[in-house]
Structure formats: C-alpha cells, structure tokens
Amino acid sequence: MNRGWIVGALLIVLGILLFSQGDRSFNTGTVFAYGWPTMFVIPMGVFFHWMYFFMLNRRGVGMLVPGGILFVAGVVCQLSALTGAWAITWPGFLLAVAFGLFELYWFGSRNRWLMIPIAILSGLSVLFFAVFSVGYLFNSLSMSRPIIAALLVIAGGAIILVRKKEHSY
C-alpha cells in the first residue's frame, strides 16, 4: 500500500476532527474520543476486505461479512461521534449487518434466501431512521411547534376542500 495514501487519509481525518471541535480543546484525549472508529473499527473492516480480495484471491467469501459489518458500523460510529447524534444514527448498526450479508450474497453463491434477512434488516433500519429523524426534527423545532401545527391544519383543510370540489362535479 502506498504510504502517501495512508498519510493523506490521516491528514483528512485530522482535518475533520479539527473542524468538528469548534471551541473545545484539541488534545490526545479528544483525538481518541472522536476518532476511535477511524483508528480502530474502520481499518479492521478494510482489513477483512483486503484479506478477501488480495490474500485469499476471492476464495474466502465469509471474510466479507465481518468486514462489511465493521466498516459500516465504523462509519456510523464516526458520524455519531463527530455529530453527537447517537439517538438518530443507531439504526445504522442494523444496516451494517444487512450490508455484511449483502456482500456475502453478492460475492458468494447468490443464495436467494439471504435476501430475506437483508431486506428485513434494511427495511427496519430505514424505518427506524425515518421515525427517529422525524421525531428529532419535531423536537428541535419545538419553539415553532404552533406554527407547524397551524400549517398542517391549513394544508389538511386545503386538501379536503380541493377533494370536495373535485367530487361535486
């Protein structure tokens, strides 16, 4: 692997950490507190993929399951650590398992029965992400909740009135 690529990736991660710090102090503790997924979890996922593609010459397809899970879980953890949005991003862990199984399906023997847990986990992940995101959005807009409620009532009334006019002909 090219050393320039590793140094470049580390500089990018350091830059992201500096941007995310804001007015907080920057020291070794904050690097580990906010960058542990990039330092430990994501590289393990990349390692499993590297083992499958380069060391095992695409023979050990089972390496992709933990590789996919660790990689996506690491990305979810990194986003959550940087933004503090653990309450919203936790469905990404369900998606991580679905991703690992999908890699097994895609690069393996394409066993169609794997699509059942993949679809269930992906669907639950999207559903939970949507529900918790909408809940977070409404909670963050609590100051303007009466305005949103009034707009919803007006929109609902407009939809009902438009439908009545269409059905009256």
Protein backbone atom coordinates (compact mmCIF):
# COMPACT_ATOMS: atom_id res chain seq x y z
CA MET A 1 0.00 0.00 0.00
CA ASN A 2 1.27 3.48 -0.81
CA ARG A 3 2.48 5.44 2.23
CA GLY A 4 1.23 8.67 0.69
CA TRP A 5 -2.31 7.30 0.73
CA ILE A 6 -2.09 6.46 4.43
CA VAL A 7 -0.63 9.87 5.33
CA GLY A 8 -3.27 11.60 3.20
CA ALA A 9 -6.08 9.68 4.88
CA LEU A 10 -4.71 10.53 8.33
CA LEU A 11 -4.49 14.22 7.40
CA ILE A 12 -8.10 14.18 6.19
CA VAL A 13 -9.25 12.58 9.45
CA LEU A 14 -7.25 15.11 11.47
CA GLY A 15 -8.81 17.96 9.47
CA ILE A 16 -12.31 16.61 10.07
CA LEU A 17 -11.58 16.32 13.78
CA LEU A 18 -10.31 19.89 13.88
CA PHE A 19 -13.43 21.15 12.11
CA SER A 20 -15.73 19.24 14.45
CA GLN A 21 -14.05 20.51 17.62
CA GLY A 22 -15.30 24.09 17.43
CA ASP A 23 -14.30 25.82 20.66
CA ARG A 24 -13.27 22.66 22.54
CA SER A 25 -9.64 21.97 23.31
CA PHE A 26 -7.72 19.67 20.99
CA ASN A 27 -5.53 17.08 22.69
CA THR A 28 -4.81 13.35 22.63
CA GLY A 29 -7.97 12.59 24.58
CA THR A 30 -10.21 14.35 22.09
CA VAL A 31 -8.50 12.60 19.19
CA PHE A 32 -9.31 9.24 20.76
CA ALA A 33 -12.76 10.33 21.94
CA TYR A 34 -13.84 11.45 18.47
CA GLY A 35 -11.59 9.43 16.17
CA TRP A 36 -11.62 5.93 17.63
CA PRO A 37 -13.82 4.50 14.85
CA THR A 38 -11.45 5.75 12.17
CA MET A 39 -8.43 4.46 14.05
CA PHE A 40 -9.70 1.02 15.06
CA VAL A 41 -13.06 -0.11 13.65
CA ILE A 42 -12.95 1.06 10.01
CA PRO A 43 -9.39 -0.26 9.43
CA MET A 44 -10.49 -3.70 10.68
CA GLY A 45 -13.32 -3.70 8.15
CA VAL A 46 -10.92 -2.66 5.39
CA PHE A 47 -8.51 -5.40 6.56
CA PHE A 48 -11.15 -8.12 6.14
CA HIS A 49 -11.93 -6.83 2.64
CA TRP A 50 -8.23 -6.72 1.80
CA MET A 51 -7.87 -10.31 3.01
CA TYR A 52 -10.71 -11.46 0.77
CA PHE A 53 -9.73 -9.58 -2.37
CA PHE A 54 -5.94 -9.81 -2.24
CA MET A 55 -4.74 -12.50 0.17
CA LEU A 56 -7.36 -15.20 -0.39
CA ASN A 57 -7.92 -14.43 -4.08
CA ARG A 58 -11.70 -14.23 -3.65
CA ARG A 59 -11.97 -17.70 -2.10
CA GLY A 60 -12.98 -16.89 1.49
CA VAL A 61 -16.25 -15.05 0.93
CA GLY A 62 -17.07 -15.34 4.64
CA MET A 63 -14.43 -12.67 5.32
CA LEU A 64 -16.76 -10.08 3.80
CA VAL A 65 -19.46 -10.46 6.45
CA PRO A 66 -17.41 -9.17 9.40
CA GLY A 67 -15.62 -6.79 7.03
CA GLY A 68 -18.86 -5.20 5.86
CA ILE A 69 -20.31 -5.07 9.36
CA LEU A 70 -17.19 -3.48 10.85
CA PHE A 71 -16.79 -0.98 8.02
CA VAL A 72 -20.40 0.30 8.07
CA ALA A 73 -20.56 0.22 11.88
CA GLY A 74 -17.32 2.20 11.96
CA VAL A 75 -18.74 4.82 9.61
CA VAL A 76 -21.91 5.05 11.72
CA CYS A 77 -19.84 5.37 14.91
CA GLN A 78 -17.60 8.01 13.34
CA LEU A 79 -20.56 10.11 12.18
CA SER A 80 -22.21 9.71 15.57
CA ALA A 81 -19.06 10.59 17.49
CA LEU A 82 -18.47 13.72 15.42
CA THR A 83 -22.06 14.95 15.48
CA GLY A 84 -23.30 13.52 18.79
CA ALA A 85 -26.34 12.11 17.01
CA TRP A 86 -26.29 8.62 18.54
CA ALA A 87 -30.05 8.76 19.14
CA ILE A 88 -30.66 9.14 15.40
CA THR A 89 -27.89 7.08 13.81
CA TRP A 90 -28.25 3.85 15.80
CA PRO A 91 -30.31 2.17 13.02
CA GLY A 92 -27.09 2.20 11.02
CA PHE A 93 -26.00 -0.81 13.07
CA LEU A 94 -28.89 -2.82 11.61
CA LEU A 95 -27.83 -1.60 8.19
CA ALA A 96 -24.26 -2.74 8.93
CA VAL A 97 -25.41 -6.33 9.40
CA ALA A 98 -27.53 -6.12 6.24
CA PHE A 99 -24.52 -4.77 4.33
CA GLY A 100 -22.28 -7.61 5.51
CA LEU A 101 -24.87 -10.18 4.48
CA PHE A 102 -25.39 -8.42 1.15
CA GLU A 103 -21.67 -8.69 0.42
CA LEU A 104 -21.90 -12.42 1.19
CA TYR A 105 -24.80 -12.66 -1.26
CA TRP A 106 -23.17 -10.52 -3.95
CA PHE A 107 -19.71 -12.12 -3.95
CA GLY A 108 -20.81 -15.58 -2.84
CA SER A 109 -23.06 -18.13 -4.46
CA ARG A 110 -26.01 -15.71 -4.67
CA ASN A 111 -28.19 -17.73 -2.34
CA ARG A 112 -31.58 -16.05 -2.72
CA TRP A 113 -32.58 -16.90 0.85
CA LEU A 114 -30.03 -14.39 2.12
CA MET A 115 -32.18 -11.64 0.65
CA ILE A 116 -34.85 -12.23 3.32
CA PRO A 117 -32.75 -11.12 6.33
CA ILE A 118 -31.10 -8.45 4.18
CA ALA A 119 -34.49 -6.98 3.24
CA ILE A 120 -35.84 -7.20 6.81
CA LEU A 121 -32.77 -5.56 8.37
CA SER A 122 -32.56 -2.88 5.68
CA GLY A 123 -36.26 -2.11 5.96
CA LEU A 124 -36.12 -1.87 9.74
CA SER A 125 -33.05 0.35 9.51
CA VAL A 126 -34.72 2.76 7.08
CA LEU A 127 -37.97 2.73 9.08
CA PHE A 128 -36.26 3.43 12.42
CA PHE A 129 -34.02 6.06 10.87
CA ALA A 130 -37.03 7.84 9.37
CA VAL A 131 -39.07 7.66 12.60
CA PHE A 132 -36.27 8.88 14.85
CA SER A 133 -35.23 11.59 12.38
CA VAL A 134 -38.77 12.95 12.19
CA GLY A 135 -39.03 12.79 15.98
CA TYR A 136 -35.74 14.66 16.32
CA LEU A 137 -36.89 17.22 13.76
CA PHE A 138 -40.12 17.90 15.64
CA ASN A 139 -38.29 18.11 18.98
CA SER A 140 -35.72 20.53 17.59
CA LEU A 141 -38.50 22.68 16.18
CA SER A 142 -40.36 22.83 19.49
CA MET A 143 -40.22 26.63 19.56
CA SER A 144 -42.13 26.83 16.30
CA ARG A 145 -44.48 23.93 17.02
CA PRO A 146 -47.64 26.10 16.98
CA ILE A 147 -46.67 27.44 13.55
CA ILE A 148 -46.07 23.93 12.22
CA ALA A 149 -49.38 22.74 13.72
CA ALA A 150 -51.23 25.63 12.08
CA LEU A 151 -49.59 24.90 8.73
CA LEU A 152 -50.55 21.23 8.99
CA VAL A 153 -54.16 22.13 9.80
CA ILE A 154 -54.31 24.59 6.88
CA ALA A 155 -52.75 22.06 4.50
CA GLY A 156 -55.16 19.35 5.60
CA GLY A 157 -58.13 21.67 5.21
CA ALA A 158 -56.96 22.70 1.75
CA ILE A 159 -56.65 19.08 0.69
CA ILE A 160 -60.16 18.30 1.96
CA LEU A 161 -61.66 21.33 0.22
CA VAL A 162 -59.91 20.52 -3.06
CA ARG A 163 -61.22 16.97 -2.94
CA LYS A 164 -64.77 18.17 -2.24
CA LYS A 165 -64.71 20.40 -5.29
CA GLU A 166 -63.45 17.57 -7.50
CA HIS A 167 -66.17 15.17 -6.27
CA SER A 168 -69.00 17.68 -6.60
CA TYR A 169 -68.92 17.60 -10.44
